[in-house]
PDB file of N, CA and C in Angstrom:
ATOM      1  N   MET A   1    -126.573 -84.661 187.204  1.00  0.00           N
ATOM      2  CA  MET A   1    -126.284 -85.953 187.827  1.00  0.00           C
ATOM      3  C   MET A   1    -126.300 -87.053 186.774  1.00  0.00           C
ATOM      4  N   LEU A   2    -127.281 -86.998 185.877  1.00  0.00           N
ATOM      5  CA  LEU A   2    -127.388 -88.022 184.832  1.00  0.00           C
ATOM      6  C   LEU A   2    -126.183 -87.945 183.896  1.00  0.00           C
ATOM      7  N   TYR A   3    -125.765 -86.720 183.561  1.00  0.00           N
ATOM      8  CA  TYR A   3    -124.592 -86.552 182.696  1.00  0.00           C
ATOM      9  C   TYR A   3    -123.340 -87.084 183.391  1.00  0.00           C
ATOM     10  N   PHE A   4    -123.262 -86.885 184.704  1.00  0.00           N
ATOM     11  CA  PHE A   4    -122.111 -87.341 185.481  1.00  0.00           C
ATOM     12  C   PHE A   4    -122.020 -88.864 185.445  1.00  0.00           C
ATOM     13  N   ILE A   5    -123.157 -89.536 185.663  1.00  0.00           N
ATOM     14  CA  ILE A   5    -123.189 -91.005 185.628  1.00  0.00           C
ATOM     15  C   ILE A   5    -122.855 -91.502 184.224  1.00  0.00           C
ATOM     16  N   PHE A   6    -123.404 -90.862 183.204  1.00  0.00           N
ATOM     17  CA  PHE A   6    -123.140 -91.258 181.821  1.00  0.00           C
ATOM     18  C   PHE A   6    -121.664 -91.075 181.478  1.00  0.00           C
ATOM     19  N   GLY A   7    -121.056 -90.011 181.992  1.00  0.00           N
ATOM     20  CA  GLY A   7    -119.635 -89.759 181.739  1.00  0.00           C
ATOM     21  C   GLY A   7    -118.770 -90.845 182.364  1.00  0.00           C
ATOM     22  N   ILE A   8    -119.090 -91.233 183.602  1.00  0.00           N
ATOM     23  CA  ILE A   8    -118.330 -92.299 184.274  1.00  0.00           C
ATOM     24  C   ILE A   8    -118.506 -93.614 183.531  1.00  0.00           C
ATOM     25  N   TRP A   9    -119.749 -93.918 183.118  1.00  0.00           N
ATOM     26  CA  TRP A   9    -120.037 -95.179 182.419  1.00  0.00           C
ATOM     27  C   TRP A   9    -119.293 -95.242 181.085  1.00  0.00           C
ATOM     28  N   SER A  10    -119.342 -94.152 180.327  1.00  0.00           N
ATOM     29  CA  SER A  10    -118.664 -94.131 179.024  1.00  0.00           C
ATOM     30  C   SER A  10    -117.150 -94.202 179.213  1.00  0.00           C
ATOM     31  N   GLY A  11    -116.638 -93.569 180.257  1.00  0.00           N
ATOM     32  CA  GLY A  11    -115.201 -93.609 180.524  1.00  0.00           C
ATOM     33  C   GLY A  11    -114.744 -95.017 180.867  1.00  0.00           C
ATOM     34  N   MET A  12    -115.504 -95.706 181.717  1.00  0.00           N
ATOM     35  CA  MET A  12    -115.153 -97.072 182.094  1.00  0.00           C
ATOM     36  C   MET A  12    -115.286 -98.007 180.903  1.00  0.00           C
ATOM     37  N   LEU A  13    -116.304 -97.774 180.067  1.00  0.00           N
ATOM     38  CA  LEU A  13    -116.514 -98.613 178.886  1.00  0.00           C
ATOM     39  C   LEU A  13    -115.339 -98.447 177.920  1.00  0.00           C
ATOM     40  N   GLY A  14    -114.934 -97.216 177.673  1.00  0.00           N
ATOM     41  CA  GLY A  14    -113.812 -96.961 176.775  1.00  0.00           C
ATOM     42  C   GLY A  14    -112.515 -97.537 177.333  1.00  0.00           C
ATOM     43  N   PHE A  15    -112.321 -97.430 178.656  1.00  0.00           N
ATOM     44  CA  PHE A  15    -111.108 -97.967 179.280  1.00  0.00           C
ATOM     45  C   PHE A  15    -111.067 -99.479 179.163  1.00  0.00           C
ATOM     46  N   SER A  16    -112.204-100.135 179.412  1.00  0.00           N
ATOM     47  CA  SER A  16    -112.258-101.602 179.325  1.00  0.00           C
ATOM     48  C   SER A  16    -112.047-102.060 177.883  1.00  0.00           C
ATOM     49  N   MET A  17    -112.612-101.318 176.922  1.00  0.00           N
ATOM     50  CA  MET A  17    -112.449-101.690 175.514  1.00  0.00           C
ATOM     51  C   MET A  17    -110.981-101.568 175.100  1.00  0.00           C
ATOM     52  N   SER A  18    -110.323-100.479 175.499  1.00  0.00           N
ATOM     53  CA  SER A  18    -108.910-100.297 175.155  1.00  0.00           C
ATOM     54  C   SER A  18    -108.053-101.351 175.838  1.00  0.00           C
ATOM     55  N   LEU A  19    -108.427-101.731 177.068  1.00  0.00           N
ATOM     56  CA  LEU A  19    -107.670-102.751 177.793  1.00  0.00           C
ATOM     57  C   LEU A  19    -107.809-104.101 177.098  1.00  0.00           C
ATOM     58  N   ILE A  20    -109.025-104.426 176.654  1.00  0.00           N
ATOM     59  CA  ILE A  20    -109.260-105.692 175.945  1.00  0.00           C
ATOM     60  C   ILE A  20    -108.475-105.703 174.636  1.00  0.00           C
ATOM     61  N   ILE A  21    -108.456-104.577 173.927  1.00  0.00           N
ATOM     62  CA  ILE A  21    -107.729-104.495 172.658  1.00  0.00           C
ATOM     63  C   ILE A  21    -106.237-104.691 172.904  1.00  0.00           C
ATOM     64  N   ARG A  22    -105.712-104.094 173.976  1.00  0.00           N
ATOM     65  CA  ARG A  22    -104.293-104.254 174.300  1.00  0.00           C
ATOM     66  C   ARG A  22    -103.985-105.704 174.629  1.00  0.00           C
ATOM     67  N   LEU A  23    -104.870-106.365 175.365  1.00  0.00           N
ATOM     68  CA  LEU A  23    -104.656-107.774 175.710  1.00  0.00           C
ATOM     69  C   LEU A  23    -104.685-108.631 174.457  1.00  0.00           C
ATOM     70  N   GLU A  24    -105.624-108.353 173.559  1.00  0.00           N
ATOM     71  CA  GLU A  24    -105.732-109.121 172.317  1.00  0.00           C
ATOM     72  C   GLU A  24    -104.461-108.941 171.479  1.00  0.00           C
ATOM     73  N   LEU A  25    -103.970-107.702 171.372  1.00  0.00           N
ATOM     74  CA  LEU A  25    -102.756-107.443 170.594  1.00  0.00           C
ATOM     75  C   LEU A  25    -101.560-108.133 171.234  1.00  0.00           C
ATOM     76  N   GLY A  26    -101.492-108.124 172.559  1.00  0.00           N
ATOM     77  CA  GLY A  26    -100.388-108.774 173.258  1.00  0.00           C
ATOM     78  C   GLY A  26    -100.408-110.279 173.044  1.00  0.00           C
ATOM     79  N   MET A  27    -101.579-110.883 173.125  1.00  0.00           N
ATOM     80  CA  MET A  27    -101.697-112.325 172.934  1.00  0.00           C
ATOM     81  C   MET A  27    -101.315-112.700 171.511  1.00  0.00           C
ATOM     82  N   SER A  28    -101.826-111.980 170.511  1.00  0.00           N
ATOM     83  CA  SER A  28    -101.528-112.272 169.110  1.00  0.00           C
ATOM     84  C   SER A  28    -100.043-112.047 168.842  1.00  0.00           C
ATOM     85  N   GLY A  29     -99.450-111.020 169.460  1.00  0.00           N
ATOM     86  CA  GLY A  29     -98.030-110.753 169.273  1.00  0.00           C
ATOM     87  C   GLY A  29     -97.193-111.895 169.826  1.00  0.00           C
ATOM     88  N   ASN A  30     -97.580-112.423 171.000  1.00  0.00           N
ATOM     89  CA  ASN A  30     -96.845-113.537 171.587  1.00  0.00           C
ATOM     90  C   ASN A  30     -97.009-114.795 170.746  1.00  0.00           C
ATOM     91  N   LEU A  31     -98.200-114.993 170.192  1.00  0.00           N
ATOM     92  CA  LEU A  31     -98.436-116.186 169.384  1.00  0.00           C
ATOM     93  C   LEU A  31     -97.645-116.118 168.082  1.00  0.00           C
ATOM     94  N   ILE A  32     -97.574-114.933 167.494  1.00  0.00           N
ATOM     95  CA  ILE A  32     -96.876-114.786 166.208  1.00  0.00           C
ATOM     96  C   ILE A  32     -95.358-114.853 166.420  1.00  0.00           C
ATOM     97  N   GLY A  33     -94.832-114.015 167.334  1.00  0.00           N
ATOM     98  CA  GLY A  33     -93.396-113.935 167.468  1.00  0.00           C
ATOM     99  C   GLY A  33     -92.909-114.406 168.808  1.00  0.00           C
TER     100      GLY A  33
END
């Protein structure tokens, strides 16, 4: 059960981090070009 919760937490954390990185790249791309 603990591994299951940790897996969900790490998955959501990685997804949110990748989403933030994509947003940052999109914003910088729009600002540059």
